[in-house]
N, C-alpha and C. Protein backbone atom coordinates (compact mmCIF):
# COMPACT_ATOMS: atom_id res chain seq x y z
N MET A 1 -20.52 2.62 36.49
CA MET A 1 -20.67 3.99 34.54
C MET A 1 -19.18 4.08 34.59
N THR A 2 -18.75 4.57 33.42
CA THR A 2 -17.40 5.21 32.87
C THR A 2 -17.74 6.45 32.19
N ASP A 3 -16.37 7.40 32.57
CA ASP A 3 -15.80 8.51 32.07
C ASP A 3 -15.57 8.70 31.01
N ASN A 4 -15.98 9.58 30.52
CA ASN A 4 -15.38 9.70 29.40
C ASN A 4 -13.69 10.31 29.70
N THR A 5 -13.26 10.88 30.27
CA THR A 5 -12.23 12.45 30.72
C THR A 5 -11.09 11.07 30.53
N ASP A 6 -11.66 8.93 31.48
CA ASP A 6 -10.40 8.33 31.80
C ASP A 6 -10.19 8.30 30.79
N PHE A 7 -10.66 7.93 30.03
CA PHE A 7 -10.32 7.28 28.45
C PHE A 7 -8.67 8.24 27.94
N HIS A 8 -8.18 6.70 27.59
CA HIS A 8 -7.22 7.69 27.48
C HIS A 8 -6.69 7.87 26.00
N TRP A 9 -5.99 8.82 25.43
CA TRP A 9 -6.36 8.87 23.46
C TRP A 9 -4.59 8.74 23.37
N GLY A 10 -3.84 8.94 24.45
CA GLY A 10 -2.32 8.71 24.54
C GLY A 10 -2.09 7.53 23.82
N ARG A 11 -2.79 6.61 24.41
CA ARG A 11 -2.73 4.76 24.76
C ARG A 11 -3.47 4.25 23.97
N LEU A 12 -4.44 4.78 22.76
CA LEU A 12 -4.94 4.36 21.46
C LEU A 12 -3.98 5.71 20.46
N VAL A 13 -3.73 6.29 20.19
CA VAL A 13 -2.08 6.77 20.14
C VAL A 13 -1.42 6.43 19.66
N GLN A 14 -0.61 5.76 20.65
CA GLN A 14 0.45 5.21 20.91
C GLN A 14 0.19 3.83 20.30
N GLU A 15 -0.79 2.74 19.94
CA GLU A 15 -0.79 1.80 19.52
C GLU A 15 -0.97 1.80 18.10
N ILE A 16 -1.40 2.57 17.52
CA ILE A 16 -1.93 2.71 16.10
C ILE A 16 -0.56 3.80 15.89
N ARG A 17 0.11 4.20 16.45
CA ARG A 17 1.52 4.10 15.90
C ARG A 17 2.20 3.37 15.79
N GLN A 18 2.13 2.55 17.00
CA GLN A 18 3.65 1.26 16.43
C GLN A 18 2.82 0.90 15.33
N GLU A 19 1.61 0.37 15.27
CA GLU A 19 1.11 -0.68 14.67
C GLU A 19 1.03 0.14 13.04
N ARG A 20 1.81 1.51 12.52
CA ARG A 20 1.87 1.77 11.62
C ARG A 20 3.43 1.91 11.52
N ASN A 21 4.10 1.42 12.34
CA ASN A 21 5.53 1.59 12.77
C ASN A 21 6.18 3.06 12.17
N ILE A 22 5.72 3.87 12.95
CA ILE A 22 6.03 5.13 12.61
C ILE A 22 6.57 5.69 14.39
N SER A 23 7.51 6.74 14.10
CA SER A 23 7.94 7.17 15.27
C SER A 23 7.31 8.63 15.82
N ILE A 24 7.47 9.15 17.07
CA ILE A 24 7.10 9.94 17.49
C ILE A 24 7.03 11.37 16.31
N LYS A 25 8.85 11.58 16.62
CA LYS A 25 8.76 12.76 15.24
C LYS A 25 8.39 12.66 14.07
N GLN A 26 8.02 11.94 13.18
CA GLN A 26 7.96 11.14 11.82
C GLN A 26 6.42 11.72 12.78
N LEU A 27 5.72 10.72 13.30
CA LEU A 27 4.10 12.15 14.33
C LEU A 27 4.40 13.15 14.21
N SER A 28 5.10 13.47 14.85
CA SER A 28 4.53 15.35 15.63
C SER A 28 4.64 15.75 13.94
N GLN A 29 5.38 16.03 13.03
CA GLN A 29 5.77 16.24 11.50
C GLN A 29 4.61 15.74 10.49
N LEU A 30 4.04 14.80 10.93
CA LEU A 30 2.54 14.77 9.52
C LEU A 30 1.41 15.16 10.56
N ALA A 31 1.55 14.54 11.44
CA ALA A 31 0.72 15.94 11.66
C ALA A 31 0.83 17.79 12.78
N ASP A 32 1.76 18.23 12.31
CA ASP A 32 2.41 19.56 12.10
C ASP A 32 2.13 19.43 13.48
N VAL A 33 2.86 19.19 14.79
CA VAL A 33 2.26 19.22 15.77
C VAL A 33 3.80 19.25 16.69
N CYS A 34 4.33 19.64 18.19
CA CYS A 34 5.46 20.26 18.52
C CYS A 34 5.71 17.86 19.06
N GLU A 35 7.15 17.70 18.62
CA GLU A 35 6.39 16.64 19.37
C GLU A 35 7.01 16.69 20.93
N SER A 36 7.02 16.69 21.30
CA SER A 36 6.79 17.05 23.03
C SER A 36 5.15 17.28 23.33
N THR A 37 5.07 17.64 22.28
CA THR A 37 3.17 17.59 22.60
C THR A 37 2.52 16.31 22.14
N ALA A 38 2.99 14.79 21.31
CA ALA A 38 2.46 14.20 20.44
C ALA A 38 3.24 12.98 21.73
N GLY A 39 4.98 12.78 22.16
CA GLY A 39 4.71 12.52 23.36
C GLY A 39 4.57 13.15 24.38
N ARG A 40 3.98 13.68 25.43
CA ARG A 40 3.74 13.98 26.35
C ARG A 40 1.30 12.92 26.12
N LEU A 41 1.75 13.52 24.80
CA LEU A 41 0.50 12.95 25.19
C LEU A 41 0.29 11.52 25.58
N GLU A 42 0.89 10.68 24.28
CA GLU A 42 0.76 9.73 24.21
C GLU A 42 1.49 8.97 25.50
N ARG A 43 2.51 9.81 26.95
CA ARG A 43 2.80 9.28 27.84
C ARG A 43 1.60 9.82 29.13
N ASN A 44 0.29 10.39 28.87
CA ASN A 44 -1.24 10.69 29.61
C ASN A 44 -0.22 11.79 30.27
N MET A 45 0.03 12.87 29.98
CA MET A 45 0.76 13.67 31.10
C MET A 45 0.38 15.06 30.02
N GLN A 46 -1.02 14.88 29.40
CA GLN A 46 -1.10 16.23 28.52
C GLN A 46 -2.11 16.09 28.15
N ARG A 47 -3.43 16.50 28.44
CA ARG A 47 -5.46 16.13 27.91
C ARG A 47 -5.02 17.08 26.50
N PRO A 48 -5.12 16.26 25.53
CA PRO A 48 -5.27 17.31 24.07
C PRO A 48 -6.43 18.21 24.19
N THR A 49 -5.23 19.39 22.98
CA THR A 49 -7.07 19.87 22.99
C THR A 49 -8.00 18.89 21.28
N ILE A 50 -9.29 19.35 20.97
CA ILE A 50 -9.71 18.84 20.02
C ILE A 50 -8.14 18.86 18.70
N GLN A 51 -8.84 20.15 18.41
CA GLN A 51 -7.35 19.85 17.04
C GLN A 51 -6.33 19.88 16.71
N THR A 52 -6.40 18.95 17.93
CA THR A 52 -4.45 18.63 18.01
C THR A 52 -4.70 17.11 18.08
N LEU A 53 -6.21 17.08 19.27
CA LEU A 53 -6.57 14.76 18.51
C LEU A 53 -5.95 15.03 17.38
N GLU A 54 -7.14 16.41 16.18
CA GLU A 54 -7.90 15.38 15.35
C GLU A 54 -7.09 15.21 14.01
N LYS A 55 -6.10 16.07 14.01
CA LYS A 55 -4.09 16.29 13.73
C LYS A 55 -3.44 15.14 13.26
N ILE A 56 -3.50 14.63 14.99
CA ILE A 56 -2.47 13.59 15.21
C ILE A 56 -3.32 12.30 14.24
N LEU A 57 -4.29 11.51 14.53
CA LEU A 57 -5.05 11.09 14.22
C LEU A 57 -5.01 11.12 12.86
N PHE A 58 -6.24 11.77 12.39
CA PHE A 58 -5.50 12.23 10.90
C PHE A 58 -4.42 11.95 10.24
N ALA A 59 -3.31 11.88 10.98
CA ALA A 59 -1.75 12.06 10.26
C ALA A 59 -1.99 10.19 10.67
N LEU A 60 -2.78 9.70 11.53
CA LEU A 60 -2.44 8.00 11.80
C LEU A 60 -3.03 7.22 10.62
N GLY A 61 -4.34 8.04 9.64
CA GLY A 61 -5.06 7.72 8.91
C GLY A 61 -6.53 7.16 9.90
N TYR A 62 -6.57 7.52 10.59
CA TYR A 62 -7.93 7.93 11.50
C TYR A 62 -9.55 9.74 11.37
N GLU A 63 -11.12 9.66 11.61
CA GLU A 63 -11.20 10.92 11.79
C GLU A 63 -11.43 11.11 13.27
N LEU A 64 -11.59 11.28 13.65
CA LEU A 64 -11.74 11.54 15.03
C LEU A 64 -13.01 11.27 15.93
N GLU A 65 -13.94 12.47 14.38
CA GLU A 65 -15.64 11.84 14.99
C GLU A 65 -15.47 10.75 15.08
N ALA A 66 -14.83 9.67 13.77
CA ALA A 66 -14.88 8.38 13.96
C ALA A 66 -14.53 7.77 15.02
N MET A 67 -14.25 8.18 15.23
CA MET A 67 -13.07 7.28 16.76
C MET A 67 -14.20 7.14 18.11
N ILE A 68 -14.97 8.21 18.25
CA ILE A 68 -15.58 9.50 19.31
C ILE A 68 -17.35 8.32 18.93
N ILE A 69 -17.51 7.45 18.02
CA ILE A 69 -19.02 7.02 18.07
C ILE A 69 -18.98 6.19 18.51
N GLY A 70 -16.89 5.26 18.02
CA GLY A 70 -16.72 4.13 17.97
C GLY A 70 -17.20 2.85 17.06
N LYS A 71 -16.93 3.97 15.65
CA LYS A 71 -17.05 3.52 14.42
C LYS A 71 -15.53 4.08 14.29
N PRO A 72 -14.49 3.34 14.46
CA PRO A 72 -13.17 4.28 13.35
C PRO A 72 -12.95 2.80 12.61
N LYS A 73 -12.39 3.47 11.12
CA LYS A 73 -12.23 3.40 10.37
C LYS A 73 -11.29 3.53 9.46
N PRO A 74 -9.77 3.45 9.16
CA PRO A 74 -8.62 3.85 8.42
C PRO A 74 -8.73 4.17 7.22
N LEU A 75 -9.18 5.65 7.01
CA LEU A 75 -9.39 6.50 5.87
C LEU A 75 -8.37 5.71 4.84
N LYS A 76 -9.27 6.00 3.61
CA LYS A 76 -8.49 5.47 2.79
C LYS A 76 -7.41 5.64 1.87
N PHE A 77 -6.31 7.11 1.92
CA PHE A 77 -5.92 6.85 1.31
C PHE A 77 -4.41 6.39 1.99
N LEU A 78 -5.31 6.51 3.55
CA LEU A 78 -3.70 5.80 3.78
C LEU A 78 -3.21 3.76 3.21
N SER A 79 -2.41 3.70 3.24
CA SER A 79 -2.45 2.17 2.31
C SER A 79 -0.70 2.68 3.11
N ALA A 80 -0.48 1.04 2.97
CA ALA A 80 0.75 0.66 4.06
C ALA A 80 1.62 1.73 3.51
N LYS A 81 1.60 1.00 2.09
CA LYS A 81 2.63 1.68 0.72
C LYS A 81 2.31 3.68 0.88
N ALA A 82 1.59 4.35 0.78
CA ALA A 82 1.76 5.50 0.86
C ALA A 82 1.89 5.75 2.69
N MET A 83 2.05 5.29 2.92
CA MET A 83 2.82 5.96 5.09
C MET A 83 4.42 5.28 4.59
N LYS A 84 5.05 5.42 3.75
CA LYS A 84 6.24 5.30 4.01
C LYS A 84 6.41 6.56 2.95
N ALA A 85 5.87 7.43 2.42
CA ALA A 85 5.84 8.18 0.60
C ALA A 85 6.16 9.45 1.19
N PRO A 86 7.38 10.08 0.58
CA PRO A 86 7.88 11.02 1.50
C PRO A 86 6.34 12.48 1.41
N GLY A 87 5.81 12.40 0.33
CA GLY A 87 5.01 13.29 -0.13
C GLY A 87 3.58 13.08 0.90
N LEU A 88 3.90 12.24 1.91
CA LEU A 88 2.51 12.16 2.94
C LEU A 88 1.90 12.89 3.06
N LYS A 89 2.60 13.99 3.66
CA LYS A 89 2.00 15.55 4.64
C LYS A 89 1.41 16.19 3.03
N ALA A 90 1.53 16.36 2.55
CA ALA A 90 1.47 17.44 1.37
C ALA A 90 0.05 16.39 0.53
N HIS A 91 0.23 15.38 0.54
CA HIS A 91 -0.93 13.88 0.17
C HIS A 91 -2.12 13.92 0.56
N MET A 92 -2.05 14.95 2.55
CA MET A 92 -3.17 14.38 3.07
C MET A 92 -3.36 15.58 3.64
N LYS A 93 -2.65 16.99 2.76
CA LYS A 93 -3.46 18.13 3.34
C LYS A 93 -5.24 18.15 2.45
N GLU A 94 -4.52 17.19 0.50
CA GLU A 94 -5.71 17.08 0.40
C GLU A 94 -6.52 17.14 0.78
N TYR A 95 -6.92 16.31 1.27
CA TYR A 95 -7.89 15.75 2.60
C TYR A 95 -8.71 16.52 3.27
N GLN A 96 -8.22 17.90 3.84
CA GLN A 96 -8.64 18.10 4.68
C GLN A 96 -9.42 19.56 5.05
C-alpha cells in the first residue's frame, strides 16, 4: 500500500511548470511565495504547507482539491496566451 506522504508534490509542480514554460522565479512571483520555497519544494527538500501548495498549484492553473481527488483539470482562465500576459497575477486574484 502506498502512503500519501510518499507522494512527491515537487516533481508534479516541476513537470507542470516546465510544460507551461515558466521559470521558478516567475512561478514564485505568480504564487506570491519565496523563490527559495518554490525551489525547495521542487527538489523535495521541503514539505509545503497546504496554503503554499494551493497557491503554487493555482498559479500553475490547477486546484489542489482536484489534484488530491485525482481529477486534475486546468482552470479555464489559464490559456497559453494568458500565461504570457503581464497582468496574469492580478487576473488570477479575481478567481481566489
